[in-house]
């Protein structure tokens, strides 16, 4: 549905992560998008439009989301999964 539409998918996942029920999965999907933007899973390679600065920005955003995942407590996590 959002294949090769990373920006649009990120907007939807960002909205979904605001609800405790969808938070973990939405963040996980967002991290995957930041680490693999517009990549075809069959032929994974860096998209031609991705420059070094874009890659570093994506890594920074993914790192921030990983930190957010660490902040989810166990009780909240068990209600999500």
Protein backbone atom coordinates (compact mmCIF):
# COMPACT_ATOMS: atom_id res chain seq x y z
CA UNK A 1 0.00 0.00 0.00
CA UNK A 2 2.80 2.42 0.89
CA UNK A 3 5.58 0.72 -1.04
CA UNK A 4 8.06 3.38 -2.19
CA UNK A 5 6.04 6.04 -0.33
CA UNK A 6 8.16 6.22 2.81
CA UNK A 7 7.16 9.76 3.73
CA UNK A 8 3.46 8.96 3.55
CA UNK A 9 3.89 5.74 5.52
CA UNK A 10 5.90 7.55 8.22
CA UNK A 11 3.07 10.07 8.66
CA UNK A 12 0.56 7.27 9.27
CA UNK A 13 2.86 5.34 11.60
CA UNK A 14 3.62 8.55 13.51
CA UNK A 15 -0.11 9.01 14.13
CA UNK A 16 -0.47 5.34 15.10
CA UNK A 17 2.38 5.51 17.61
CA UNK A 18 0.44 8.08 19.64
CA UNK A 19 -1.95 5.33 20.78
CA UNK A 20 -0.61 2.90 23.34
CA UNK A 21 -2.14 -0.06 21.51
CA UNK A 22 -0.17 0.56 18.31
CA UNK A 23 2.91 2.29 19.69
CA UNK A 24 5.41 -0.61 19.63
CA UNK A 25 4.54 -1.88 16.14
CA UNK A 26 4.34 1.63 14.66
CA UNK A 27 7.77 2.55 16.03
CA UNK A 28 9.25 -0.73 14.79
CA UNK A 29 7.89 -0.07 11.29
CA UNK A 30 9.18 3.51 11.38
CA UNK A 31 12.67 2.30 12.31
CA UNK A 32 12.57 -0.16 9.42
CA UNK A 33 11.59 2.62 7.00
CA UNK A 34 14.37 4.90 8.23
CA UNK A 35 16.93 2.12 7.88
CA UNK A 36 15.61 0.87 4.52
CA UNK A 37 14.01 3.83 2.70
CA UNK A 38 12.40 2.92 -0.62
CA UNK A 39 14.31 -0.33 -0.73
CA UNK A 40 13.08 -3.35 -2.58
CA UNK A 41 13.50 -6.32 -0.22
CA UNK A 42 14.60 -8.48 -3.15
CA UNK A 43 17.32 -6.08 -4.34
CA UNK A 44 18.33 -4.08 -1.23
CA UNK A 45 20.64 -1.23 -2.10
CA UNK A 46 20.87 2.41 -1.21
CA UNK A 47 18.39 4.44 -3.28
CA UNK A 48 20.11 6.79 -5.76
CA UNK A 49 18.34 9.76 -4.15
CA UNK A 50 19.86 9.00 -0.72
CA UNK A 51 22.99 11.01 -0.09
CA UNK A 52 25.31 10.82 2.90
CA UNK A 53 23.46 13.58 4.79
CA UNK A 54 20.12 11.88 4.19
CA UNK A 55 21.50 8.58 5.41
CA UNK A 56 22.91 10.19 8.57
CA UNK A 57 19.60 11.95 9.22
CA UNK A 58 17.74 8.64 8.89
CA UNK A 59 20.16 6.94 11.28
CA UNK A 60 19.66 9.74 13.81
CA UNK A 61 15.86 9.44 13.55
CA UNK A 62 16.01 5.63 13.85
CA UNK A 63 18.25 5.97 16.93
CA UNK A 64 15.74 8.34 18.52
CA UNK A 65 12.94 5.86 17.90
CA UNK A 66 15.03 3.04 19.40
CA UNK A 67 15.45 5.18 22.52
CA UNK A 68 11.68 5.69 22.59
CA UNK A 69 11.20 1.90 22.46
CA UNK A 70 13.49 1.55 25.48
CA UNK A 71 11.23 3.91 27.41
CA UNK A 72 8.16 1.67 27.00
CA UNK A 73 7.67 -0.14 30.28
CA UNK A 74 6.89 -3.84 30.48
CA UNK A 75 3.28 -3.37 31.58
CA UNK A 76 2.57 -1.09 28.65
CA UNK A 77 4.32 -3.48 26.27
CA UNK A 78 2.26 -6.50 27.35
CA UNK A 79 -0.97 -4.61 26.65
CA UNK A 80 0.30 -3.72 23.16
CA UNK A 81 1.28 -7.17 22.00
